[in-house]
Amino acid sequence: MRVVDILKVKGNTLFTVTPDTPLAEGVNTMAEHDIGSLVVMESGELVGMLTFREIIKTISANGGTVGTTSIRRVMDDHPLICTLETDVNEVRRMMLERHARYLPVMDNRTLMGVISFYDVAKAVVEEQQFENKMLKAYIRDWPAEEAEKAD
């Protein structure tokens, strides 16, 4: 399974902000749409990611408030990315190694979507359930003479 397969099911609704967007506005966007990340774009280029991790660090450093800072000052300016062709097992490895919960999906320089750790886990579970169903159907339809030879 590849990232493109996850995006086909998930869809490619994207929420983006610019680096100069006030952090409070980004937090409100995330809350309004019940999302855990925003892609930070500038002049049509991916320049960072804002996730709840950066927000929590900022709130902690500011004594419980987001303050008046811009997203540029708190965003991850070197986010881990993947492509449409990246294998899901590679994505899982990448996410685990870097503790990344969200990955922008790029096709050359074009942002195609964002996948989350949840999206990956859901896709893997659904694939395993499908394989299990197919194996059970195969075993149930096992030819009688083949079963006798197997014994």
C-alpha atoms as a PDB file:
ATOM      1  CA  MET A   1       0.000   0.000   0.000  1.00  0.00           C
ATOM      2  CA  ARG A   2       1.205   3.488  -0.854  1.00  0.00           C
ATOM      3  CA  VAL A   3       0.384   6.971   0.406  1.00  0.00           C
ATOM      4  CA  VAL A   4      -1.714   7.641  -2.698  1.00  0.00           C
ATOM      5  CA  ASP A   5      -4.034   4.809  -1.578  1.00  0.00           C
ATOM      6  CA  ILE A   6      -4.559   6.485   1.797  1.00  0.00           C
ATOM      7  CA  LEU A   7      -5.319   9.842   0.186  1.00  0.00           C
ATOM      8  CA  LYS A   8      -7.878   8.238  -2.151  1.00  0.00           C
ATOM      9  CA  VAL A   9      -9.875   7.112   0.883  1.00  0.00           C
ATOM     10  CA  LYS A  10      -9.179  10.088   3.122  1.00  0.00           C
ATOM     11  CA  GLY A  11      -9.609  12.779   0.524  1.00  0.00           C
ATOM     12  CA  ASN A  12      -7.360  15.773   0.128  1.00  0.00           C
ATOM     13  CA  THR A  13      -9.003  18.577   2.060  1.00  0.00           C
ATOM     14  CA  LEU A  14      -6.198  20.885   3.129  1.00  0.00           C
ATOM     15  CA  PHE A  15      -5.922  23.678   5.622  1.00  0.00           C
ATOM     16  CA  THR A  16      -3.003  26.013   5.145  1.00  0.00           C
ATOM     17  CA  VAL A  17      -1.712  29.191   6.718  1.00  0.00           C
ATOM     18  CA  THR A  18       1.115  31.578   5.982  1.00  0.00           C
ATOM     19  CA  PRO A  19       4.081  31.981   8.300  1.00  0.00           C
ATOM     20  CA  ASP A  20       2.901  35.475   9.227  1.00  0.00           C
ATOM     21  CA  THR A  21      -0.520  34.289  10.381  1.00  0.00           C
ATOM     22  CA  PRO A  22      -0.961  34.980  14.103  1.00  0.00           C
ATOM     23  CA  LEU A  23      -0.609  31.779  16.126  1.00  0.00           C
ATOM     24  CA  ALA A  24      -3.960  32.441  17.834  1.00  0.00           C
ATOM     25  CA  GLU A  25      -5.651  32.432  14.404  1.00  0.00           C
ATOM     26  CA  GLY A  26      -3.991  29.116  13.546  1.00  0.00           C
ATOM     27  CA  VAL A  27      -5.160  27.614  16.838  1.00  0.00           C
ATOM     28  CA  ASN A  28      -8.710  28.794  16.126  1.00  0.00           C
ATOM     29  CA  THR A  29      -8.614  27.244  12.634  1.00  0.00           C
ATOM     30  CA  MET A  30      -7.429  23.930  14.059  1.00  0.00           C
ATOM     31  CA  ALA A  31     -10.152  23.971  16.736  1.00  0.00           C
ATOM     32  CA  GLU A  32     -12.883  24.979  14.277  1.00  0.00           C
ATOM     33  CA  HIS A  33     -12.059  22.150  11.860  1.00  0.00           C
ATOM     34  CA  ASP A  34     -11.045  19.584  14.514  1.00  0.00           C
ATOM     35  CA  ILE A  35      -7.614  19.040  12.951  1.00  0.00           C
ATOM     36  CA  GLY A  36      -4.221  18.519  14.526  1.00  0.00           C
ATOM     37  CA  SER A  37      -2.030  20.306  12.017  1.00  0.00           C
ATOM     38  CA  LEU A  38      -1.788  23.124   9.522  1.00  0.00           C
ATOM     39  CA  VAL A  39       0.516  23.247   6.532  1.00  0.00           C
ATOM     40  CA  VAL A  40       2.485  26.486   6.398  1.00  0.00           C
ATOM     41  CA  MET A  41       2.827  27.800   2.847  1.00  0.00           C
ATOM     42  CA  GLU A  42       4.632  30.859   1.522  1.00  0.00           C
ATOM     43  CA  SER A  43       4.663  31.892  -2.141  1.00  0.00           C
ATOM     44  CA  GLY A  44       3.242  28.501  -3.101  1.00  0.00           C
ATOM     45  CA  GLU A  45       5.999  26.573  -1.287  1.00  0.00           C
ATOM     46  CA  LEU A  46       5.819  24.366   1.786  1.00  0.00           C
ATOM     47  CA  VAL A  47       7.826  26.133   4.493  1.00  0.00           C
ATOM     48  CA  GLY A  48       6.643  24.384   7.644  1.00  0.00           C
ATOM     49  CA  MET A  49       4.067  22.586   9.726  1.00  0.00           C
ATOM     50  CA  LEU A  50       2.156  23.716  12.758  1.00  0.00           C
ATOM     51  CA  THR A  51       0.919  20.924  14.997  1.00  0.00           C
ATOM     52  CA  PHE A  52      -0.484  20.783  18.475  1.00  0.00           C
ATOM     53  CA  ARG A  53       3.053  19.899  19.657  1.00  0.00           C
ATOM     54  CA  GLU A  54       4.379  23.347  18.721  1.00  0.00           C
ATOM     55  CA  ILE A  55       1.284  24.987  20.180  1.00  0.00           C
ATOM     56  CA  ILE A  56       1.641  23.189  23.519  1.00  0.00           C
ATOM     57  CA  LYS A  57       5.328  24.126  23.741  1.00  0.00           C
ATOM     58  CA  THR A  58       4.443  27.755  23.075  1.00  0.00           C
ATOM     59  CA  ILE A  59       1.633  27.773  25.630  1.00  0.00           C
ATOM     60  CA  SER A  60       3.973  26.245  28.208  1.00  0.00           C
ATOM     61  CA  ALA A  61       6.700  28.817  27.509  1.00  0.00           C
ATOM     62  CA  ASN A  62       4.165  31.690  27.664  1.00  0.00           C
ATOM     63  CA  GLY A  63       2.626  30.787  31.003  1.00  0.00           C
ATOM     64  CA  GLY A  64      -0.566  29.326  29.583  1.00  0.00           C
ATOM     65  CA  THR A  65      -1.303  31.561  26.595  1.00  0.00           C
ATOM     66  CA  VAL A  66      -0.439  31.473  22.906  1.00  0.00           C
ATOM     67  CA  GLY A  67       0.629  35.092  23.066  1.00  0.00           C
ATOM     68  CA  THR A  68       0.792  37.377  20.062  1.00  0.00           C
ATOM     69  CA  THR A  69       3.503  35.603  18.094  1.00  0.00           C
ATOM     70  CA  SER A  70       3.286  34.528  14.465  1.00  0.00           C
ATOM     71  CA  ILE A  71       3.270  30.952  13.266  1.00  0.00           C
ATOM     72  CA  ARG A  72       6.724  31.520  11.742  1.00  0.00           C
ATOM     73  CA  ARG A  73       8.282  31.741  15.210  1.00  0.00           C
ATOM     74  CA  VAL A  74       6.904  28.401  16.447  1.00  0.00           C
ATOM     75  CA  MET A  75       6.382  26.192  13.360  1.00  0.00           C
ATOM     76  CA  ASP A  76       8.491  23.178  12.456  1.00  0.00           C
ATOM     77  CA  ASP A  77      10.453  24.658   9.560  1.00  0.00           C
ATOM     78  CA  HIS A  78      11.891  21.299   8.460  1.00  0.00           C
ATOM     79  CA  PRO A  79       8.879  18.990   8.450  1.00  0.00           C
ATOM     80  CA  LEU A  80       9.211  15.378   7.482  1.00  0.00           C
ATOM     81  CA  ILE A  81       7.492  14.803   4.123  1.00  0.00           C
ATOM     82  CA  CYS A  82       6.529  11.871   1.940  1.00  0.00           C
ATOM     83  CA  THR A  83       5.425  11.382  -1.653  1.00  0.00           C
ATOM     84  CA  LEU A  84       2.398   9.752  -3.219  1.00  0.00           C
ATOM     85  CA  GLU A  85       4.530   6.697  -3.982  1.00  0.00           C
ATOM     86  CA  THR A  86       5.985   6.241  -0.482  1.00  0.00           C
ATOM     87  CA  ASP A  87       5.165   2.795   0.902  1.00  0.00           C
ATOM     88  CA  VAL A  88       3.015   2.796   4.042  1.00  0.00           C
ATOM     89  CA  ASN A  89       5.568   0.681   5.918  1.00  0.00           C
ATOM     90  CA  GLU A  90       8.196   3.331   5.176  1.00  0.00           C
ATOM     91  CA  VAL A  91       5.811   6.049   6.383  1.00  0.00           C
ATOM     92  CA  ARG A  92       5.273   4.149   9.646  1.00  0.00           C
ATOM     93  CA  ARG A  93       9.017   3.837  10.144  1.00  0.00           C
ATOM     94  CA  MET A  94       9.576   7.527   9.388  1.00  0.00           C
ATOM     95  CA  MET A  95       6.802   8.637  11.728  1.00  0.00           C
ATOM     96  CA  LEU A  96       8.032   6.455  14.566  1.00  0.00           C
ATOM     97  CA  GLU A  97      11.675   7.510  14.204  1.00  0.00           C
ATOM     98  CA  ARG A  98      10.873  11.235  14.145  1.00  0.00           C
ATOM     99  CA  HIS A  99       7.831  11.125  16.462  1.00  0.00           C
ATOM    100  CA  ALA A 100       5.878  12.780  13.651  1.00  0.00           C
ATOM    101  CA  ARG A 101       2.110  12.585  13.765  1.00  0.00           C
ATOM    102  CA  TYR A 102       1.477  14.425  10.494  1.00  0.00           C
ATOM    103  CA  LEU A 103       3.225  14.259   7.125  1.00  0.00           C
ATOM    104  CA  PRO A 104       2.684  16.580   4.193  1.00  0.00           C
ATOM    105  CA  VAL A 105       2.411  14.612   0.961  1.00  0.00           C
ATOM    106  CA  MET A 106       4.327  16.204  -1.890  1.00  0.00           C
ATOM    107  CA  ASP A 107       4.361  15.543  -5.622  1.00  0.00           C
ATOM    108  CA  ASN A 108       7.543  17.328  -6.661  1.00  0.00           C
ATOM    109  CA  ARG A 109       6.849  20.817  -5.292  1.00  0.00           C
ATOM    110  CA  THR A 110       3.055  20.470  -5.144  1.00  0.00           C
ATOM    111  CA  LEU A 111       1.285  19.789  -1.852  1.00  0.00           C
ATOM    112  CA  MET A 112      -1.118  16.887  -2.380  1.00  0.00           C
ATOM    113  CA  GLY A 113      -2.435  16.405   1.142  1.00  0.00           C
ATOM    114  CA  VAL A 114      -1.505  15.586   4.711  1.00  0.00           C
ATOM    115  CA  ILE A 115      -1.638  12.152   6.295  1.00  0.00           C
ATOM    116  CA  SER A 116      -1.752  11.532  10.004  1.00  0.00           C
ATOM    117  CA  PHE A 117      -0.594   8.659  12.148  1.00  0.00           C
ATOM    118  CA  TYR A 118      -4.300   7.849  12.570  1.00  0.00           C
ATOM    119  CA  ASP A 119      -4.797   7.713   8.770  1.00  0.00           C
ATOM    120  CA  VAL A 120      -1.878   5.289   8.439  1.00  0.00           C
ATOM    121  CA  ALA A 121      -3.056   3.067  11.314  1.00  0.00           C
ATOM    122  CA  LYS A 122      -6.602   2.979   9.934  1.00  0.00           C
ATOM    123  CA  ALA A 123      -5.384   2.034   6.448  1.00  0.00           C
ATOM    124  CA  VAL A 124      -3.179  -0.752   7.795  1.00  0.00           C
ATOM    125  CA  VAL A 125      -5.989  -2.196   9.946  1.00  0.00           C
ATOM    126  CA  GLU A 126      -8.433  -2.078   7.024  1.00  0.00           C
ATOM    127  CA  GLU A 127      -5.915  -3.784   4.750  1.00  0.00           C
ATOM    128  CA  GLN A 128      -5.332  -6.525   7.342  1.00  0.00           C
ATOM    129  CA  GLN A 129      -9.084  -7.027   7.810  1.00  0.00           C
ATOM    130  CA  PHE A 130      -9.504  -7.383   4.045  1.00  0.00           C
ATOM    131  CA  GLU A 131      -6.641  -9.897   3.839  1.00  0.00           C
ATOM    132  CA  ASN A 132      -8.094 -11.874   6.748  1.00  0.00           C
ATOM    133  CA  LYS A 133     -11.511 -11.948   5.073  1.00  0.00           C
ATOM    134  CA  MET A 134      -9.982 -13.171   1.814  1.00  0.00           C
ATOM    135  CA  LEU A 135      -7.937 -15.865   3.580  1.00  0.00           C
ATOM    136  CA  LYS A 136     -10.983 -17.086   5.504  1.00  0.00           C
ATOM    137  CA  ALA A 137     -13.011 -17.253   2.284  1.00  0.00           C
ATOM    138  CA  TYR A 138     -10.179 -19.146   0.596  1.00  0.00           C
ATOM    139  CA  ILE A 139      -9.913 -21.650   3.455  1.00  0.00           C
ATOM    140  CA  ARG A 140     -13.692 -22.122   3.565  1.00  0.00           C
ATOM    141  CA  ASP A 141     -13.688 -22.903  -0.184  1.00  0.00           C
ATOM    142  CA  TRP A 142     -10.639 -25.186   0.017  1.00  0.00           C
ATOM    143  CA  PRO A 143     -11.150 -28.146  -2.375  1.00  0.00           C
ATOM    144  CA  ALA A 144     -11.837 -31.460  -0.545  1.00  0.00           C
ATOM    145  CA  GLU A 145      -9.058 -33.408  -2.346  1.00  0.00           C
ATOM    146  CA  GLU A 146      -6.537 -30.662  -1.549  1.00  0.00           C
ATOM    147  CA  ALA A 147      -7.519 -30.845   2.131  1.00  0.00           C
ATOM    148  CA  GLU A 148      -6.963 -34.632   2.134  1.00  0.00           C
ATOM    149  CA  LYS A 149      -3.512 -34.252   0.523  1.00  0.00           C
ATOM    150  CA  ALA A 150      -2.565 -31.628   3.101  1.00  0.00           C
ATOM    151  CA  ASP A 151      -3.255 -34.124   5.948  1.00  0.00           C
END
